[in-house]
Amino acid sequence: MITEEGRKRMGEARINRVDPNGNHSPYTNQKELRKKRIEVFKISNGKCVICGEPAKLVHHIDRDKSNHSFINLIALCRYCHRALHSKKNI
């Protein structure tokens, strides 16, 4: 169950993620990321680079959401993306 304090923190996090167009996003340069995302999916043939299933997400390897360089982006399925984020040292 989410506490009132937790709801407040989530609301503050959303407010802090507003880009110049008024969109809520944790990413800076969202327009650049959208373009690179398409290229990352083309490079991986739409497949997760770990398991080969259809990729749905682009993962920032260094976890820096402002670093949209191609060497920092990989295509992943939801399962592999969740698994990466659940590991503390990756």
C-alpha atoms as a PDB file:
ATOM      1  CA  MET A   1       0.000   0.000   0.000  1.00  0.00           C
ATOM      2  CA  ILE A   2       1.337   3.439  -0.948  1.00  0.00           C
ATOM      3  CA  THR A   3       1.529   5.891   1.949  1.00  0.00           C
ATOM      4  CA  GLU A   4       0.574   9.548   1.715  1.00  0.00           C
ATOM      5  CA  GLU A   5       4.262  10.457   1.886  1.00  0.00           C
ATOM      6  CA  GLY A   6       4.988   8.077  -1.005  1.00  0.00           C
ATOM      7  CA  ARG A   7       2.243   9.674  -3.107  1.00  0.00           C
ATOM      8  CA  LYS A   8       3.690  13.107  -2.381  1.00  0.00           C
ATOM      9  CA  ARG A   9       7.181  12.003  -3.488  1.00  0.00           C
ATOM     10  CA  MET A  10       5.804  10.439  -6.682  1.00  0.00           C
ATOM     11  CA  GLY A  11       3.948  13.676  -7.466  1.00  0.00           C
ATOM     12  CA  GLU A  12       7.090  15.734  -6.914  1.00  0.00           C
ATOM     13  CA  ALA A  13       9.063  13.400  -9.158  1.00  0.00           C
ATOM     14  CA  ARG A  14       6.521  13.876 -11.950  1.00  0.00           C
ATOM     15  CA  ILE A  15       6.648  17.661 -11.578  1.00  0.00           C
ATOM     16  CA  ASN A  16      10.436  17.606 -11.790  1.00  0.00           C
ATOM     17  CA  ARG A  17      10.291  15.651 -15.059  1.00  0.00           C
ATOM     18  CA  VAL A  18       8.458  18.239 -17.166  1.00  0.00           C
ATOM     19  CA  ASP A  19      10.327  18.967 -20.393  1.00  0.00           C
ATOM     20  CA  PRO A  20      10.170  22.336 -22.230  1.00  0.00           C
ATOM     21  CA  ASN A  21       7.081  21.157 -24.152  1.00  0.00           C
ATOM     22  CA  GLY A  22       5.202  20.416 -20.938  1.00  0.00           C
ATOM     23  CA  ASN A  23       5.572  16.636 -21.263  1.00  0.00           C
ATOM     24  CA  HIS A  24       6.369  14.576 -18.183  1.00  0.00           C
ATOM     25  CA  SER A  25       9.510  12.575 -18.866  1.00  0.00           C
ATOM     26  CA  PRO A  26      12.573  11.406 -16.943  1.00  0.00           C
ATOM     27  CA  TYR A  27      14.673  12.012 -20.059  1.00  0.00           C
ATOM     28  CA  THR A  28      16.404  15.169 -21.178  1.00  0.00           C
ATOM     29  CA  ASN A  29      16.518  15.788 -24.933  1.00  0.00           C
ATOM     30  CA  GLN A  30      13.476  13.590 -25.450  1.00  0.00           C
ATOM     31  CA  LYS A  31      13.238  14.550 -29.124  1.00  0.00           C
ATOM     32  CA  GLU A  32      16.800  13.314 -29.716  1.00  0.00           C
ATOM     33  CA  LEU A  33      16.044  10.082 -27.850  1.00  0.00           C
ATOM     34  CA  ARG A  34      12.998   9.389 -30.040  1.00  0.00           C
ATOM     35  CA  LYS A  35      15.149   9.620 -33.186  1.00  0.00           C
ATOM     36  CA  LYS A  36      17.923   7.462 -31.737  1.00  0.00           C
ATOM     37  CA  ARG A  37      15.393   4.921 -30.444  1.00  0.00           C
ATOM     38  CA  ILE A  38      14.237   4.265 -34.012  1.00  0.00           C
ATOM     39  CA  GLU A  39      17.838   3.740 -35.119  1.00  0.00           C
ATOM     40  CA  VAL A  40      18.606   1.435 -32.172  1.00  0.00           C
ATOM     41  CA  PHE A  41      15.621  -0.750 -33.111  1.00  0.00           C
ATOM     42  CA  LYS A  42      16.763  -0.819 -36.756  1.00  0.00           C
ATOM     43  CA  ILE A  43      20.287  -1.846 -35.749  1.00  0.00           C
ATOM     44  CA  SER A  44      18.956  -4.681 -33.568  1.00  0.00           C
ATOM     45  CA  ASN A  45      16.330  -5.715 -36.150  1.00  0.00           C
ATOM     46  CA  GLY A  46      13.686  -5.052 -33.509  1.00  0.00           C
ATOM     47  CA  LYS A  47      15.080  -7.817 -31.303  1.00  0.00           C
ATOM     48  CA  CYS A  48      16.243  -7.774 -27.691  1.00  0.00           C
ATOM     49  CA  VAL A  49      20.042  -7.896 -27.700  1.00  0.00           C
ATOM     50  CA  ILE A  50      20.013 -10.311 -24.759  1.00  0.00           C
ATOM     51  CA  CYS A  51      17.345 -12.924 -25.551  1.00  0.00           C
ATOM     52  CA  GLY A  52      16.270 -12.225 -29.153  1.00  0.00           C
ATOM     53  CA  GLU A  53      12.603 -11.648 -28.316  1.00  0.00           C
ATOM     54  CA  PRO A  54      10.871  -8.573 -29.799  1.00  0.00           C
ATOM     55  CA  ALA A  55      12.377  -5.419 -28.274  1.00  0.00           C
ATOM     56  CA  LYS A  56      10.014  -2.883 -26.746  1.00  0.00           C
ATOM     57  CA  LEU A  57      12.424  -0.621 -24.852  1.00  0.00           C
ATOM     58  CA  VAL A  58      15.715   1.179 -25.280  1.00  0.00           C
ATOM     59  CA  HIS A  59      18.019   0.927 -22.259  1.00  0.00           C
ATOM     60  CA  HIS A  60      20.708   3.449 -21.259  1.00  0.00           C
ATOM     61  CA  ILE A  61      23.687   1.227 -20.397  1.00  0.00           C
ATOM     62  CA  ASP A  62      25.282   3.773 -18.074  1.00  0.00           C
ATOM     63  CA  ARG A  63      21.842   4.667 -16.611  1.00  0.00           C
ATOM     64  CA  ASP A  64      22.438   8.331 -17.478  1.00  0.00           C
ATOM     65  CA  LYS A  65      19.110   9.332 -19.008  1.00  0.00           C
ATOM     66  CA  SER A  66      20.723  12.322 -20.716  1.00  0.00           C
ATOM     67  CA  ASN A  67      23.395  10.254 -22.534  1.00  0.00           C
ATOM     68  CA  HIS A  68      21.722   9.283 -25.804  1.00  0.00           C
ATOM     69  CA  SER A  69      24.865   8.235 -27.680  1.00  0.00           C
ATOM     70  CA  PHE A  70      24.498   5.057 -29.748  1.00  0.00           C
ATOM     71  CA  ILE A  71      27.156   3.234 -27.761  1.00  0.00           C
ATOM     72  CA  ASN A  72      25.062   3.817 -24.630  1.00  0.00           C
ATOM     73  CA  LEU A  73      21.724   2.565 -26.008  1.00  0.00           C
ATOM     74  CA  ILE A  74      20.565  -1.030 -26.488  1.00  0.00           C
ATOM     75  CA  ALA A  75      17.230  -2.546 -27.463  1.00  0.00           C
ATOM     76  CA  LEU A  76      15.641  -4.825 -24.873  1.00  0.00           C
ATOM     77  CA  CYS A  77      12.424  -6.710 -24.263  1.00  0.00           C
ATOM     78  CA  ARG A  78      10.512  -5.796 -21.113  1.00  0.00           C
ATOM     79  CA  TYR A  79      11.650  -8.932 -19.267  1.00  0.00           C
ATOM     80  CA  CYS A  80      15.376  -8.347 -19.845  1.00  0.00           C
ATOM     81  CA  HIS A  81      15.031  -4.631 -19.102  1.00  0.00           C
ATOM     82  CA  ARG A  82      13.343  -5.396 -15.781  1.00  0.00           C
ATOM     83  CA  ALA A  83      16.033  -7.970 -14.984  1.00  0.00           C
ATOM     84  CA  LEU A  84      18.808  -5.439 -15.650  1.00  0.00           C
ATOM     85  CA  HIS A  85      17.221  -2.845 -13.402  1.00  0.00           C
ATOM     86  CA  SER A  86      16.690  -5.363 -10.624  1.00  0.00           C
ATOM     87  CA  LYS A  87      20.437  -6.046 -10.411  1.00  0.00           C
ATOM     88  CA  LYS A  88      22.177  -3.609  -8.087  1.00  0.00           C
ATOM     89  CA  ASN A  89      25.576  -3.508  -9.795  1.00  0.00           C
ATOM     90  CA  ILE A  90      24.503  -3.079 -13.419  1.00  0.00           C
END
